Amino acid sequence: MRLPSILRPLRNRLLQTFFLFTRPMTLGVRIIVHDPAAGTVFLVRHTYVEGWHLPGGGVERGETVMEALSKELMEEGRLKLATEPLFLGVLFNRRARHNHILLYLSEDCVQTGDPDPNWEIAEARAFPLDGLPEDLSPATARRIAEWRAGQPPAKDW
């Protein structure tokens, strides 16, 4: 279920304010899931923010980074890591002002089933690298471009 577009900015601002007070600094994980044989990357479209994004989410208290990454991949795309992903870097999300994101790359995820849309995920699927969606989030577009060019990720998300 999607909120009417007029209410989304208000909800997003309320959530950011809530997290600022309940989580003074957060740690997130994102991953570029690349299928070299198919030439695709896996992306998700959330119900609460516009555009397509790399899969990932927050690392919860008492959870390791790999546990968080595995959990988010399963929840968002029914994806399972076959091997440990490659660590690409740490980025600072200046928009959130208190969020650091660990970026990874996996080229051997296995999809265990079709992703089911839910209250958080509107859609999730693989896109050809030469056919990425027009409404790709700017940060996701930058991360994919950096990776494709063989460059380390920028310091800011």
C-alpha atoms as a PDB file:
ATOM      1  CA  MET A   1       0.000   0.000   0.000  1.00  0.00           C
ATOM      2  CA  ARG A   2       1.421   3.377  -1.019  1.00  0.00           C
ATOM      3  CA  LEU A   3       0.705   6.654   0.705  1.00  0.00           C
ATOM      4  CA  PRO A   4      -0.649   9.459  -1.440  1.00  0.00           C
ATOM      5  CA  SER A   5       2.304  11.419  -2.849  1.00  0.00           C
ATOM      6  CA  ILE A   6       1.344  14.539  -0.898  1.00  0.00           C
ATOM      7  CA  LEU A   7       1.808  12.682   2.435  1.00  0.00           C
ATOM      8  CA  ARG A   8       5.151  10.989   1.657  1.00  0.00           C
ATOM      9  CA  PRO A   9       7.413  13.986   2.391  1.00  0.00           C
ATOM     10  CA  LEU A  10       5.713  14.510   5.756  1.00  0.00           C
ATOM     11  CA  ARG A  11       6.025  10.842   6.675  1.00  0.00           C
ATOM     12  CA  ASN A  12       9.687  10.777   5.598  1.00  0.00           C
ATOM     13  CA  ARG A  13      10.499  13.882   7.661  1.00  0.00           C
ATOM     14  CA  LEU A  14       8.723  12.404  10.712  1.00  0.00           C
ATOM     15  CA  LEU A  15      10.651   9.142  10.365  1.00  0.00           C
ATOM     16  CA  GLN A  16      13.976  10.990   9.992  1.00  0.00           C
ATOM     17  CA  THR A  17      13.237  13.068  13.091  1.00  0.00           C
ATOM     18  CA  PHE A  18      12.225   9.980  15.044  1.00  0.00           C
ATOM     19  CA  PHE A  19      15.407   8.133  14.036  1.00  0.00           C
ATOM     20  CA  LEU A  20      17.564  11.154  14.861  1.00  0.00           C
ATOM     21  CA  PHE A  21      16.392  10.985  18.481  1.00  0.00           C
ATOM     22  CA  THR A  22      16.195   7.224  18.858  1.00  0.00           C
ATOM     23  CA  ARG A  23      19.347   6.419  16.862  1.00  0.00           C
ATOM     24  CA  PRO A  24      21.849   9.288  17.093  1.00  0.00           C
ATOM     25  CA  MET A  25      24.177   7.547  14.638  1.00  0.00           C
ATOM     26  CA  THR A  26      23.120   4.742  12.355  1.00  0.00           C
ATOM     27  CA  LEU A  27      25.022   2.214  10.307  1.00  0.00           C
ATOM     28  CA  GLY A  28      23.590   0.938   7.072  1.00  0.00           C
ATOM     29  CA  VAL A  29      24.553  -1.605   4.444  1.00  0.00           C
ATOM     30  CA  ARG A  30      23.990  -1.531   0.697  1.00  0.00           C
ATOM     31  CA  ILE A  31      25.097  -4.018  -1.904  1.00  0.00           C
ATOM     32  CA  ILE A  32      25.578  -4.073  -5.647  1.00  0.00           C
ATOM     33  CA  VAL A  33      24.233  -7.470  -6.670  1.00  0.00           C
ATOM     34  CA  HIS A  34      25.706  -8.144 -10.096  1.00  0.00           C
ATOM     35  CA  ASP A  35      25.023 -11.215 -12.214  1.00  0.00           C
ATOM     36  CA  PRO A  36      27.997 -11.266 -14.620  1.00  0.00           C
ATOM     37  CA  ALA A  37      26.476 -13.971 -16.845  1.00  0.00           C
ATOM     38  CA  ALA A  38      23.246 -12.008 -17.358  1.00  0.00           C
ATOM     39  CA  GLY A  39      24.866  -8.554 -17.236  1.00  0.00           C
ATOM     40  CA  THR A  40      22.344  -7.347 -14.646  1.00  0.00           C
ATOM     41  CA  VAL A  41      22.164  -5.590 -11.288  1.00  0.00           C
ATOM     42  CA  PHE A  42      19.410  -6.149  -8.760  1.00  0.00           C
ATOM     43  CA  LEU A  43      17.442  -3.082  -7.595  1.00  0.00           C
ATOM     44  CA  VAL A  44      14.523  -2.389  -5.270  1.00  0.00           C
ATOM     45  CA  ARG A  45      11.797   0.247  -5.301  1.00  0.00           C
ATOM     46  CA  HIS A  46      10.515   1.141  -1.845  1.00  0.00           C
ATOM     47  CA  THR A  47       7.029   2.287  -0.916  1.00  0.00           C
ATOM     48  CA  TYR A  48       8.309   5.211   1.165  1.00  0.00           C
ATOM     49  CA  VAL A  49      10.855   6.889  -1.128  1.00  0.00           C
ATOM     50  CA  GLU A  50      10.982   7.538  -4.862  1.00  0.00           C
ATOM     51  CA  GLY A  51      13.219   5.721  -7.314  1.00  0.00           C
ATOM     52  CA  TRP A  52      15.128   2.460  -7.576  1.00  0.00           C
ATOM     53  CA  HIS A  53      17.837   1.687  -5.023  1.00  0.00           C
ATOM     54  CA  LEU A  54      20.498  -0.855  -4.205  1.00  0.00           C
ATOM     55  CA  PRO A  55      19.255  -3.480  -1.742  1.00  0.00           C
ATOM     56  CA  GLY A  56      20.170  -2.883   1.874  1.00  0.00           C
ATOM     57  CA  GLY A  57      19.095  -1.357   5.137  1.00  0.00           C
ATOM     58  CA  GLY A  58      20.069  -0.610   8.703  1.00  0.00           C
ATOM     59  CA  VAL A  59      22.271  -2.654  10.985  1.00  0.00           C
ATOM     60  CA  GLU A  60      20.259  -3.258  14.138  1.00  0.00           C
ATOM     61  CA  ARG A  61      21.622  -3.372  17.677  1.00  0.00           C
ATOM     62  CA  GLY A  62      23.127  -6.805  18.376  1.00  0.00           C
ATOM     63  CA  GLU A  63      23.353  -7.664  14.674  1.00  0.00           C
ATOM     64  CA  THR A  64      26.568  -8.102  12.674  1.00  0.00           C
ATOM     65  CA  VAL A  65      27.002  -6.339   9.351  1.00  0.00           C
ATOM     66  CA  MET A  66      26.848  -9.667   7.488  1.00  0.00           C
ATOM     67  CA  GLU A  67      23.694 -10.664   9.364  1.00  0.00           C
ATOM     68  CA  ALA A  68      22.078  -7.348   8.407  1.00  0.00           C
ATOM     69  CA  LEU A  69      23.164  -7.686   4.787  1.00  0.00           C
ATOM     70  CA  SER A  70      21.893 -11.267   4.553  1.00  0.00           C
ATOM     71  CA  LYS A  71      18.593 -10.316   6.211  1.00  0.00           C
ATOM     72  CA  GLU A  72      18.007  -7.344   3.892  1.00  0.00           C
ATOM     73  CA  LEU A  73      18.842  -9.358   0.768  1.00  0.00           C
ATOM     74  CA  MET A  74      16.364 -12.069   1.772  1.00  0.00           C
ATOM     75  CA  GLU A  75      13.619  -9.593   2.765  1.00  0.00           C
ATOM     76  CA  GLU A  76      13.973  -7.381  -0.291  1.00  0.00           C
ATOM     77  CA  GLY A  77      14.810  -9.820  -3.059  1.00  0.00           C
ATOM     78  CA  ARG A  78      14.743 -13.409  -1.798  1.00  0.00           C
ATOM     79  CA  LEU A  79      18.512 -13.338  -2.427  1.00  0.00           C
ATOM     80  CA  LYS A  80      21.082 -15.440  -0.596  1.00  0.00           C
ATOM     81  CA  LEU A  81      24.824 -14.791  -0.601  1.00  0.00           C
ATOM     82  CA  ALA A  82      26.775 -17.784  -1.926  1.00  0.00           C
ATOM     83  CA  THR A  83      30.096 -16.346  -0.703  1.00  0.00           C
ATOM     84  CA  GLU A  84      31.192 -13.368   1.371  1.00  0.00           C
ATOM     85  CA  PRO A  85      30.712 -10.153  -0.613  1.00  0.00           C
ATOM     86  CA  LEU A  86      33.548  -7.791  -1.515  1.00  0.00           C
ATOM     87  CA  PHE A  87      33.749  -4.693   0.694  1.00  0.00           C
ATOM     88  CA  LEU A  88      33.903  -1.527  -1.444  1.00  0.00           C
ATOM     89  CA  GLY A  89      33.939   1.267   1.141  1.00  0.00           C
ATOM     90  CA  VAL A  90      32.330   3.400   3.847  1.00  0.00           C
ATOM     91  CA  LEU A  91      30.219   6.362   2.770  1.00  0.00           C
ATOM     92  CA  PHE A  92      28.676   9.183   4.767  1.00  0.00           C
ATOM     93  CA  ASN A  93      25.077  10.154   4.084  1.00  0.00           C
ATOM     94  CA  ARG A  94      25.058  13.924   4.590  1.00  0.00           C
ATOM     95  CA  ARG A  95      21.301  14.134   3.960  1.00  0.00           C
ATOM     96  CA  ALA A  96      20.647  12.037   7.052  1.00  0.00           C
ATOM     97  CA  ARG A  97      23.548  13.770   8.922  1.00  0.00           C
ATOM     98  CA  HIS A  98      24.070  10.728  11.120  1.00  0.00           C
ATOM     99  CA  ASN A  99      24.254   7.776   8.790  1.00  0.00           C
ATOM    100  CA  HIS A 100      27.239   5.800   7.558  1.00  0.00           C
ATOM    101  CA  ILE A 101      26.780   3.200   4.834  1.00  0.00           C
ATOM    102  CA  LEU A 102      28.982   0.177   4.184  1.00  0.00           C
ATOM    103  CA  LEU A 103      28.946  -0.674   0.479  1.00  0.00           C
ATOM    104  CA  TYR A 104      29.517  -4.209  -0.811  1.00  0.00           C
ATOM    105  CA  LEU A 105      29.561  -6.097  -4.114  1.00  0.00           C
ATOM    106  CA  SER A 106      28.354  -9.642  -4.738  1.00  0.00           C
ATOM    107  CA  GLU A 107      28.572 -11.462  -8.039  1.00  0.00           C
ATOM    108  CA  ASP A 108      27.194 -14.763  -6.809  1.00  0.00           C
ATOM    109  CA  CYS A 109      23.858 -14.276  -5.079  1.00  0.00           C
ATOM    110  CA  VAL A 110      21.244 -16.966  -5.503  1.00  0.00           C
ATOM    111  CA  GLN A 111      17.578 -16.057  -5.752  1.00  0.00           C
ATOM    112  CA  THR A 112      15.528 -18.505  -3.678  1.00  0.00           C
ATOM    113  CA  GLY A 113      12.112 -17.308  -4.881  1.00  0.00           C
ATOM    114  CA  ASP A 114      10.234 -14.399  -6.364  1.00  0.00           C
ATOM    115  CA  PRO A 115      10.278 -11.219  -4.266  1.00  0.00           C
ATOM    116  CA  ASP A 116       6.891 -10.430  -2.756  1.00  0.00           C
ATOM    117  CA  PRO A 117       5.782  -6.794  -2.652  1.00  0.00           C
ATOM    118  CA  ASN A 118       4.994  -5.727   0.911  1.00  0.00           C
ATOM    119  CA  TRP A 119       4.507  -2.570   2.991  1.00  0.00           C
ATOM    120  CA  GLU A 120       8.178  -1.636   2.474  1.00  0.00           C
ATOM    121  CA  ILE A 121       9.089  -3.001  -0.963  1.00  0.00           C
ATOM    122  CA  ALA A 122       6.920  -2.089  -3.946  1.00  0.00           C
ATOM    123  CA  GLU A 123       9.028  -3.964  -6.487  1.00  0.00           C
ATOM    124  CA  ALA A 124      12.395  -5.729  -6.767  1.00  0.00           C
ATOM    125  CA  ARG A 125      14.113  -7.109  -9.850  1.00  0.00           C
ATOM    126  CA  ALA A 126      17.267  -7.326 -11.940  1.00  0.00           C
ATOM    127  CA  PHE A 127      17.965  -4.784 -14.678  1.00  0.00           C
ATOM    128  CA  PRO A 128      20.435  -5.031 -17.558  1.00  0.00           C
ATOM    129  CA  LEU A 129      23.392  -2.703 -17.000  1.00  0.00           C
ATOM    130  CA  ASP A 130      22.611  -1.031 -20.328  1.00  0.00           C
ATOM    131  CA  GLY A 131      18.910  -0.664 -19.435  1.00  0.00           C
ATOM    132  CA  LEU A 132      18.785   0.784 -15.916  1.00  0.00           C
ATOM    133  CA  PRO A 133      15.506   2.490 -14.966  1.00  0.00           C
ATOM    134  CA  GLU A 134      15.159   6.220 -15.599  1.00  0.00           C
ATOM    135  CA  ASP A 135      14.100   6.862 -12.004  1.00  0.00           C
ATOM    136  CA  LEU A 136      17.256   5.341 -10.519  1.00  0.00           C
ATOM    137  CA  SER A 137      18.125   7.186  -7.305  1.00  0.00           C
ATOM    138  CA  PRO A 138      21.063   9.589  -7.812  1.00  0.00           C
ATOM    139  CA  ALA A 139      23.197   7.862  -5.154  1.00  0.00           C
ATOM    140  CA  THR A 140      22.524   4.436  -6.692  1.00  0.00           C
ATOM    141  CA  ALA A 141      23.420   5.752 -10.139  1.00  0.00           C
ATOM    142  CA  ARG A 142      26.705   7.151  -8.762  1.00  0.00           C
ATOM    143  CA  ARG A 143      27.616   3.906  -6.981  1.00  0.00           C
ATOM    144  CA  ILE A 144      26.950   1.799 -10.088  1.00  0.00           C
ATOM    145  CA  ALA A 145      28.913   4.219 -12.318  1.00  0.00           C
ATOM    146  CA  GLU A 146      31.885   4.226  -9.919  1.00  0.00           C
ATOM    147  CA  TRP A 147      31.892   0.422  -9.724  1.00  0.00           C
ATOM    148  CA  ARG A 148      31.621   0.017 -13.499  1.00  0.00           C
ATOM    149  CA  ALA A 149      34.520   2.451 -13.999  1.00  0.00           C
ATOM    150  CA  GLY A 150      36.656   0.518 -11.508  1.00  0.00           C
ATOM    151  CA  GLN A 151      36.777   3.519  -9.170  1.00  0.00           C
ATOM    152  CA  PRO A 152      36.435   3.400  -5.377  1.00  0.00           C
ATOM    153  CA  PRO A 153      33.148   4.833  -4.113  1.00  0.00           C
ATOM    154  CA  ALA A 154      33.022   8.515  -3.207  1.00  0.00           C
ATOM    155  CA  LYS A 155      33.194   9.417   0.488  1.00  0.00           C
ATOM    156  CA  ASP A 156      29.635  10.811   0.497  1.00  0.00           C
ATOM    157  CA  TRP A 157      26.585   8.733  -0.323  1.00  0.00           C
END
